[in-house]
Each structure stands twice: as structure tokens, then as C-alpha cells.
Amino acid sequence: MLTTYKAKAIKSPEGLQVEAESRNFKISIDEPKSLGGMDTSMSPVEVLLCALGGCQAIVATAFAASHNVTFEDFFVEIEGDIDLDGFLGKADVRPGFQEVRYTMHFKTNEPREKMEKFVEFMERTCPVGDSIENEIRLVNAGIVII
């Protein structure tokens, strides 16, 4: 069953700030001052890292019972490397992440082997992780002049 998700990003009149919305929810996006922003909120790449951690946390929680896994607490630390010269047009390098690393932390009494199998399931199931790890078509559906 193919499901289409929709979002909109609206440029704010101030600096590089953007308000993004999907369904009835909004988030602010900006850049740090070192990249020309006002540092009022996370940058787009930081939001992407958070989306990965959020997706992993949701998958862990949603599927723990069906995998007979219990844990008291869960969090993910995520970091990624970007060559900013690509973003700034100073060098012919990719502007996006070259590598993203994450560490999952479980507070649990489950055996390590069981948790490793559960994490393998999580990695196969997380839509954000799959979208980052595998090539997807990115389609410009048009330009509208208003």
C-alpha cells in the first residue's frame, strides 16, 4: 500500500529562517550564524539527523512487544559529516552527508544477541534510515511563478 506524505516549507522574511509544516504541525528551520543564519532553530541537516533518531525510536517502541523485547529506556546519538565547501560552492564535493553514524542506547535486561537481532530488524524497518541509505528519486515536479 503506497502512502503519500506531504509537507510544505515556507521561507520567512527574516534571514534564512523557514517554517515547515505537515498535517497540522509546524517546525522552524534555520542555519547557524556561521552559515549566514540567525541560529533560531535547527538546520535542515540537523532535522534530518533528528528524523533518523526519531524514526528509530518509534520503530523500537512500536515493535518491541511483537519481538518479545523489553526495555526501560531508549535513545539514539546521531552524527554526520558534511564537507561545507560543497554547500558553499567552494569545492566540487558533495554538499550532503558523506557518512552518518548512530549509536543506540537501550536500558534493558535482554541478552545482547537478542538486542542485536532486534536492531537488525529496526534497521530494515525504519523508513528514514532506508531513505538515507538507499538512492531514491528526487523529482522536481515543477516551478510555479506567483
N, C-alpha and C. Protein backbone atom coordinates (compact mmCIF):
# COMPACT_ATOMS: atom_id res chain seq x y z
N MET A 1 0.84 -1.17 0.00
CA MET A 1 0.00 0.00 0.00
C MET A 1 0.90 1.25 0.00
N LEU A 2 0.88 1.98 -1.05
CA LEU A 2 1.67 3.21 -1.18
C LEU A 2 0.92 4.36 -0.52
N THR A 3 1.59 5.05 0.37
CA THR A 3 1.02 6.19 1.07
C THR A 3 1.85 7.42 0.74
N THR A 4 1.19 8.52 0.40
CA THR A 4 1.88 9.76 0.08
C THR A 4 1.83 10.70 1.28
N TYR A 5 3.00 11.14 1.70
CA TYR A 5 3.12 12.14 2.76
C TYR A 5 3.37 13.49 2.11
N LYS A 6 2.85 14.54 2.70
CA LYS A 6 3.01 15.87 2.11
C LYS A 6 3.54 16.84 3.15
N ALA A 7 4.35 17.78 2.70
CA ALA A 7 4.89 18.82 3.57
C ALA A 7 5.06 20.09 2.75
N LYS A 8 5.22 21.20 3.44
CA LYS A 8 5.45 22.48 2.78
C LYS A 8 6.50 23.23 3.57
N ALA A 9 7.41 23.88 2.89
CA ALA A 9 8.43 24.71 3.53
C ALA A 9 8.24 26.13 3.03
N ILE A 10 8.05 27.07 3.96
CA ILE A 10 7.74 28.46 3.62
C ILE A 10 8.87 29.35 4.13
N LYS A 11 9.51 30.07 3.23
CA LYS A 11 10.60 30.98 3.57
C LYS A 11 10.06 32.14 4.39
N SER A 12 10.68 32.38 5.54
CA SER A 12 10.33 33.51 6.39
C SER A 12 10.96 34.78 5.83
N PRO A 13 10.39 35.94 6.11
CA PRO A 13 11.01 37.19 5.63
C PRO A 13 12.37 37.46 6.29
N GLU A 14 12.63 36.87 7.45
CA GLU A 14 13.88 37.12 8.16
C GLU A 14 14.96 36.10 7.79
N GLY A 15 16.14 36.60 7.46
CA GLY A 15 17.31 35.75 7.27
C GLY A 15 17.06 34.51 6.44
N LEU A 16 17.55 33.38 6.95
CA LEU A 16 17.40 32.10 6.26
C LEU A 16 16.31 31.24 6.89
N GLN A 17 15.52 31.80 7.78
CA GLN A 17 14.52 31.03 8.51
C GLN A 17 13.43 30.50 7.58
N VAL A 18 12.99 29.28 7.91
CA VAL A 18 11.95 28.59 7.15
C VAL A 18 10.97 27.99 8.16
N GLU A 19 9.70 28.03 7.83
CA GLU A 19 8.70 27.32 8.61
C GLU A 19 8.22 26.16 7.76
N ALA A 20 8.38 24.96 8.29
CA ALA A 20 7.94 23.76 7.58
C ALA A 20 6.70 23.21 8.25
N GLU A 21 5.80 22.69 7.45
CA GLU A 21 4.57 22.15 8.01
C GLU A 21 4.15 20.88 7.29
N SER A 22 3.54 20.01 8.07
CA SER A 22 2.96 18.78 7.54
C SER A 22 1.78 18.43 8.43
N ARG A 23 0.69 18.05 7.84
CA ARG A 23 -0.56 17.85 8.56
C ARG A 23 -0.86 19.11 9.36
N ASN A 24 -1.03 19.03 10.67
CA ASN A 24 -1.33 20.21 11.48
C ASN A 24 -0.14 20.63 12.33
N PHE A 25 1.08 20.27 11.93
CA PHE A 25 2.25 20.52 12.74
C PHE A 25 3.25 21.38 12.00
N LYS A 26 4.00 22.19 12.78
CA LYS A 26 4.98 23.09 12.19
C LYS A 26 6.29 22.99 12.95
N ILE A 27 7.39 23.17 12.22
CA ILE A 27 8.71 23.30 12.83
C ILE A 27 9.43 24.45 12.16
N SER A 28 10.31 25.07 12.92
CA SER A 28 11.14 26.14 12.36
C SER A 28 12.49 25.55 11.98
N ILE A 29 13.06 26.07 10.92
CA ILE A 29 14.37 25.63 10.44
C ILE A 29 15.19 26.88 10.16
N ASP A 30 16.47 26.84 10.48
CA ASP A 30 17.36 27.97 10.27
C ASP A 30 18.77 27.41 10.07
N GLU A 31 19.72 28.27 9.95
CA GLU A 31 21.13 27.89 9.88
C GLU A 31 21.86 28.58 11.03
N PRO A 32 22.98 28.04 11.45
CA PRO A 32 23.77 28.74 12.46
C PRO A 32 24.32 30.05 11.89
N LYS A 33 24.71 30.95 12.77
CA LYS A 33 25.24 32.24 12.33
C LYS A 33 26.47 32.07 11.44
N SER A 34 27.26 31.03 11.70
CA SER A 34 28.47 30.80 10.90
C SER A 34 28.16 30.50 9.43
N LEU A 35 26.90 30.12 9.14
CA LEU A 35 26.49 29.84 7.76
C LEU A 35 25.48 30.86 7.25
N GLY A 36 25.38 32.00 7.92
CA GLY A 36 24.52 33.07 7.44
C GLY A 36 23.13 33.11 8.05
N GLY A 37 22.82 32.19 8.93
CA GLY A 37 21.50 32.16 9.55
C GLY A 37 21.45 33.00 10.81
N MET A 38 20.31 32.90 11.49
CA MET A 38 20.13 33.64 12.74
C MET A 38 20.23 32.72 13.95
N ASP A 39 20.45 31.43 13.73
CA ASP A 39 20.61 30.43 14.78
C ASP A 39 19.40 30.37 15.71
N THR A 40 18.19 30.42 15.11
CA THR A 40 16.97 30.38 15.91
C THR A 40 16.40 28.97 16.07
N SER A 41 16.90 28.03 15.27
CA SER A 41 16.40 26.66 15.33
C SER A 41 17.39 25.74 14.60
N MET A 42 17.05 24.48 14.54
CA MET A 42 17.94 23.52 13.89
C MET A 42 18.06 23.79 12.41
N SER A 43 19.18 23.36 11.85
CA SER A 43 19.39 23.46 10.40
C SER A 43 18.70 22.26 9.73
N PRO A 44 18.50 22.32 8.42
CA PRO A 44 17.88 21.19 7.72
C PRO A 44 18.61 19.87 7.94
N VAL A 45 19.95 19.90 7.95
CA VAL A 45 20.68 18.64 8.12
C VAL A 45 20.55 18.13 9.55
N GLU A 46 20.44 19.03 10.52
CA GLU A 46 20.20 18.59 11.90
C GLU A 46 18.80 17.98 12.04
N VAL A 47 17.82 18.55 11.35
CA VAL A 47 16.47 17.99 11.35
C VAL A 47 16.50 16.58 10.75
N LEU A 48 17.29 16.39 9.69
CA LEU A 48 17.40 15.06 9.08
C LEU A 48 17.97 14.05 10.07
N LEU A 49 19.02 14.43 10.81
CA LEU A 49 19.58 13.54 11.81
C LEU A 49 18.55 13.22 12.89
N CYS A 50 17.81 14.22 13.33
CA CYS A 50 16.76 14.01 14.32
C CYS A 50 15.66 13.11 13.79
N ALA A 51 15.33 13.26 12.52
CA ALA A 51 14.30 12.41 11.91
C ALA A 51 14.74 10.94 11.93
N LEU A 52 16.02 10.69 11.68
CA LEU A 52 16.53 9.32 11.73
C LEU A 52 16.40 8.77 13.15
N GLY A 53 16.87 9.51 14.14
CA GLY A 53 16.77 9.05 15.53
C GLY A 53 15.33 8.88 15.97
N GLY A 54 14.47 9.81 15.57
CA GLY A 54 13.05 9.70 15.91
C GLY A 54 12.41 8.47 15.30
N CYS A 55 12.73 8.19 14.06
CA CYS A 55 12.19 7.02 13.38
C CYS A 55 12.66 5.74 14.07
N GLN A 56 13.94 5.69 14.41
CA GLN A 56 14.47 4.51 15.08
C GLN A 56 13.79 4.31 16.44
N ALA A 57 13.58 5.39 17.17
CA ALA A 57 12.92 5.28 18.48
C ALA A 57 11.48 4.80 18.34
N ILE A 58 10.79 5.29 17.32
CA ILE A 58 9.41 4.86 17.09
C ILE A 58 9.36 3.39 16.70
N VAL A 59 10.25 2.96 15.82
CA VAL A 59 10.29 1.55 15.41
C VAL A 59 10.58 0.68 16.63
N ALA A 60 11.55 1.07 17.45
CA ALA A 60 11.89 0.28 18.65
C ALA A 60 10.67 0.13 19.55
N THR A 61 9.97 1.22 19.79
CA THR A 61 8.83 1.19 20.69
C THR A 61 7.64 0.44 20.09
N ALA A 62 7.37 0.68 18.82
CA ALA A 62 6.20 0.09 18.18
C ALA A 62 6.32 -1.43 18.01
N PHE A 63 7.54 -1.92 17.85
CA PHE A 63 7.71 -3.34 17.53
C PHE A 63 8.35 -4.16 18.65
N ALA A 64 8.65 -3.57 19.77
CA ALA A 64 9.29 -4.30 20.86
C ALA A 64 8.45 -5.49 21.31
N ALA A 65 7.18 -5.27 21.59
CA ALA A 65 6.32 -6.34 22.10
C ALA A 65 6.22 -7.50 21.12
N SER A 66 6.07 -7.20 19.83
CA SER A 66 5.93 -8.27 18.84
C SER A 66 7.23 -9.05 18.64
N HIS A 67 8.34 -8.50 19.12
CA HIS A 67 9.63 -9.19 19.07
C HIS A 67 10.05 -9.70 20.45
N ASN A 68 9.10 -9.63 21.39
CA ASN A 68 9.34 -10.10 22.75
C ASN A 68 10.57 -9.44 23.37
N VAL A 69 10.68 -8.13 23.13
CA VAL A 69 11.79 -7.35 23.63
C VAL A 69 11.23 -6.32 24.62
N THR A 70 11.91 -6.16 25.74
CA THR A 70 11.52 -5.14 26.69
C THR A 70 12.72 -4.24 26.98
N PHE A 71 12.45 -2.98 27.17
CA PHE A 71 13.48 -2.03 27.60
C PHE A 71 12.81 -0.92 28.38
N GLU A 72 13.55 -0.37 29.33
CA GLU A 72 13.03 0.72 30.16
C GLU A 72 13.22 2.07 29.50
N ASP A 73 14.32 2.20 28.75
CA ASP A 73 14.65 3.48 28.15
C ASP A 73 15.39 3.23 26.85
N PHE A 74 15.29 4.21 25.95
CA PHE A 74 15.96 4.11 24.65
C PHE A 74 16.28 5.51 24.17
N PHE A 75 17.49 5.70 23.67
CA PHE A 75 17.82 6.93 22.95
C PHE A 75 18.90 6.62 21.93
N VAL A 76 19.00 7.51 20.95
CA VAL A 76 19.96 7.35 19.86
C VAL A 76 20.81 8.61 19.79
N GLU A 77 22.11 8.42 19.67
CA GLU A 77 23.03 9.53 19.38
C GLU A 77 23.39 9.41 17.91
N ILE A 78 23.25 10.52 17.17
CA ILE A 78 23.48 10.52 15.73
C ILE A 78 24.42 11.65 15.38
N GLU A 79 25.35 11.37 14.49
CA GLU A 79 26.24 12.42 13.98
C GLU A 79 26.53 12.13 12.52
N GLY A 80 26.81 13.19 11.77
CA GLY A 80 27.10 13.03 10.36
C GLY A 80 28.12 14.05 9.90
N ASP A 81 28.84 13.69 8.85
CA ASP A 81 29.91 14.52 8.31
C ASP A 81 29.51 15.12 6.97
N ILE A 82 29.64 16.43 6.88
CA ILE A 82 29.38 17.16 5.64
C ILE A 82 30.60 18.04 5.35
N ASP A 83 31.03 18.04 4.10
CA ASP A 83 32.07 18.98 3.67
C ASP A 83 31.36 20.27 3.28
N LEU A 84 31.40 21.27 4.15
CA LEU A 84 30.67 22.52 3.91
C LEU A 84 31.14 23.26 2.67
N ASP A 85 32.34 22.95 2.15
CA ASP A 85 32.79 23.58 0.91
C ASP A 85 31.86 23.23 -0.25
N GLY A 86 31.23 22.05 -0.20
CA GLY A 86 30.26 21.69 -1.24
C GLY A 86 29.01 22.53 -1.15
N PHE A 87 28.50 22.73 0.06
CA PHE A 87 27.31 23.56 0.28
C PHE A 87 27.59 25.01 -0.09
N LEU A 88 28.77 25.50 0.25
CA LEU A 88 29.13 26.90 -0.01
C LEU A 88 29.65 27.14 -1.42
N GLY A 89 29.73 26.10 -2.23
CA GLY A 89 30.19 26.24 -3.61
C GLY A 89 31.67 26.52 -3.73
N LYS A 90 32.45 26.20 -2.72
CA LYS A 90 33.89 26.48 -2.74
C LYS A 90 34.70 25.33 -3.33
N ALA A 91 34.08 24.16 -3.45
CA ALA A 91 34.79 22.99 -3.98
C ALA A 91 33.80 22.07 -4.66
N ASP A 92 34.31 21.26 -5.56
CA ASP A 92 33.48 20.31 -6.29
C ASP A 92 33.36 19.01 -5.47
N VAL A 93 32.65 19.10 -4.36
CA VAL A 93 32.39 17.95 -3.49
C VAL A 93 30.90 17.89 -3.19
N ARG A 94 30.43 16.72 -2.83
CA ARG A 94 29.01 16.57 -2.50
C ARG A 94 28.63 17.54 -1.38
N PRO A 95 27.46 18.18 -1.49
CA PRO A 95 27.02 19.08 -0.43
C PRO A 95 26.34 18.34 0.73
N GLY A 96 26.03 17.07 0.54
CA GLY A 96 25.31 16.32 1.56
C GLY A 96 26.21 15.50 2.46
N PHE A 97 25.56 14.76 3.35
CA PHE A 97 26.30 13.90 4.26
C PHE A 97 27.15 12.89 3.51
N GLN A 98 28.37 12.73 3.95
CA GLN A 98 29.24 11.70 3.41
C GLN A 98 29.15 10.44 4.26
N GLU A 99 28.84 10.60 5.55
CA GLU A 99 28.64 9.46 6.43
C GLU A 99 27.78 9.91 7.59
N VAL A 100 26.88 9.03 8.01
CA VAL A 100 26.06 9.25 9.20
C VAL A 100 26.28 8.05 10.12
N ARG A 101 26.58 8.35 11.38
CA ARG A 101 26.82 7.30 12.37
C ARG A 101 25.80 7.45 13.50
N TYR A 102 25.35 6.33 14.03
CA TYR A 102 24.41 6.38 15.15
C TYR A 102 24.75 5.29 16.15
N THR A 103 24.47 5.58 17.40
CA THR A 103 24.65 4.62 18.49
C THR A 103 23.33 4.53 19.23
N MET A 104 22.80 3.32 19.32
CA MET A 104 21.54 3.09 20.02
C MET A 104 21.84 2.68 21.46
N HIS A 105 21.12 3.30 22.38
CA HIS A 105 21.29 3.01 23.80
C HIS A 105 19.99 2.43 24.35
N PHE A 106 20.05 1.22 24.83
CA PHE A 106 18.90 0.56 25.44
C PHE A 106 19.18 0.34 26.92
N LYS A 107 18.23 0.66 27.76
CA LYS A 107 18.29 0.23 29.16
C LYS A 107 17.40 -1.01 29.24
N THR A 108 18.05 -2.17 29.32
CA THR A 108 17.33 -3.43 29.24
C THR A 108 18.09 -4.54 29.95
N ASN A 109 17.38 -5.58 30.30
CA ASN A 109 18.00 -6.79 30.84
C ASN A 109 18.07 -7.89 29.79
N GLU A 110 17.68 -7.59 28.56
CA GLU A 110 17.69 -8.57 27.47
C GLU A 110 19.14 -8.94 27.12
N PRO A 111 19.36 -10.18 26.65
CA PRO A 111 20.71 -10.56 26.21
C PRO A 111 21.14 -9.76 24.98
N ARG A 112 22.43 -9.49 24.87
CA ARG A 112 22.99 -8.72 23.75
C ARG A 112 22.58 -9.31 22.39
N GLU A 113 22.66 -10.64 22.23
CA GLU A 113 22.32 -11.27 20.94
C GLU A 113 20.89 -10.98 20.54
N LYS A 114 19.98 -11.03 21.49
CA LYS A 114 18.57 -10.73 21.20
C LYS A 114 18.42 -9.28 20.75
N MET A 115 19.11 -8.37 21.43
CA MET A 115 19.03 -6.96 21.08
C MET A 115 19.67 -6.69 19.72
N GLU A 116 20.76 -7.37 19.41
CA GLU A 116 21.39 -7.20 18.10
C GLU A 116 20.45 -7.63 16.98
N LYS A 117 19.71 -8.72 17.18
CA LYS A 117 18.73 -9.16 16.17
C LYS A 117 17.60 -8.15 16.05
N PHE A 118 17.18 -7.60 17.19
CA PHE A 118 16.12 -6.59 17.16
C PHE A 118 16.59 -5.33 16.43
N VAL A 119 17.82 -4.92 16.68
CA VAL A 119 18.37 -3.75 15.99
C VAL A 119 18.46 -4.01 14.48
N GLU A 120 18.83 -5.21 14.08
CA GLU A 120 18.84 -5.55 12.64
C GLU A 120 17.44 -5.38 12.05
N PHE A 121 16.41 -5.83 12.76
CA PHE A 121 15.04 -5.63 12.32
C PHE A 121 14.72 -4.14 12.22
N MET A 122 15.11 -3.38 13.25
CA MET A 122 14.85 -1.93 13.26
C MET A 122 15.48 -1.26 12.04
N GLU A 123 16.72 -1.63 11.73
CA GLU A 123 17.42 -1.02 10.59
C GLU A 123 16.75 -1.37 9.27
N ARG A 124 16.17 -2.55 9.17
CA ARG A 124 15.45 -2.94 7.94
C ARG A 124 14.10 -2.24 7.83
N THR A 125 13.54 -1.80 8.97
CA THR A 125 12.17 -1.32 9.03
C THR A 125 12.04 0.20 9.03
N CYS A 126 13.05 0.91 9.50
CA CYS A 126 12.97 2.37 9.65
C CYS A 126 12.92 3.06 8.27
N PRO A 127 11.81 3.71 7.91
CA PRO A 127 11.71 4.37 6.61
C PRO A 127 12.73 5.49 6.40
N VAL A 128 13.05 6.24 7.44
CA VAL A 128 14.01 7.33 7.29
C VAL A 128 15.40 6.77 7.04
N GLY A 129 15.78 5.74 7.79
CA GLY A 129 17.08 5.11 7.57
C GLY A 129 17.18 4.53 6.17
N ASP A 130 16.11 3.89 5.71
CA ASP A 130 16.10 3.34 4.36
C ASP A 130 16.24 4.45 3.32
N SER A 131 15.56 5.57 3.54
CA SER A 131 15.63 6.68 2.58
C SER A 131 17.01 7.30 2.52
N ILE A 132 17.72 7.34 3.66
CA ILE A 132 19.07 7.88 3.68
C ILE A 132 20.06 6.91 3.06
N GLU A 133 19.89 5.63 3.38
CA GLU A 133 20.87 4.63 2.95
C GLU A 133 20.75 4.25 1.48
N ASN A 134 19.57 4.32 0.93
CA ASN A 134 19.34 3.88 -0.45
C ASN A 134 18.95 5.06 -1.33
N GLU A 135 19.35 4.97 -2.56
CA GLU A 135 19.03 6.03 -3.51
C GLU A 135 17.53 6.08 -3.74
N ILE A 136 16.98 7.29 -3.71
CA ILE A 136 15.57 7.50 -4.04
C ILE A 136 15.50 8.53 -5.16
N ARG A 137 14.43 8.48 -5.92
CA ARG A 137 14.25 9.51 -6.96
C ARG A 137 13.83 10.81 -6.29
N LEU A 138 14.52 11.86 -6.61
CA LEU A 138 14.16 13.19 -6.14
C LEU A 138 13.70 13.95 -7.38
N VAL A 139 12.40 14.24 -7.44
CA VAL A 139 11.79 14.76 -8.66
C VAL A 139 11.33 16.19 -8.44
N ASN A 140 11.81 17.12 -9.26
CA ASN A 140 11.29 18.49 -9.28
C ASN A 140 9.99 18.43 -10.08
N ALA A 141 8.85 18.55 -9.38
CA ALA A 141 7.55 18.42 -10.04
C ALA A 141 7.11 19.70 -10.74
N GLY A 142 7.96 20.72 -10.74
CA GLY A 142 7.62 21.94 -11.45
C GLY A 142 7.96 23.18 -10.67
N ILE A 143 7.86 24.30 -11.35
CA ILE A 143 8.10 25.61 -10.76
C ILE A 143 6.85 26.44 -11.02
N VAL A 144 6.33 27.07 -9.98
CA VAL A 144 5.14 27.91 -10.11
C VAL A 144 5.55 29.36 -9.82
N ILE A 145 5.29 30.24 -10.75
CA ILE A 145 5.55 31.67 -10.56
C ILE A 145 4.26 32.30 -10.07
N ILE A 146 4.30 32.95 -8.89
CA ILE A 146 3.07 33.54 -8.35
C ILE A 146 3.20 35.04 -8.26
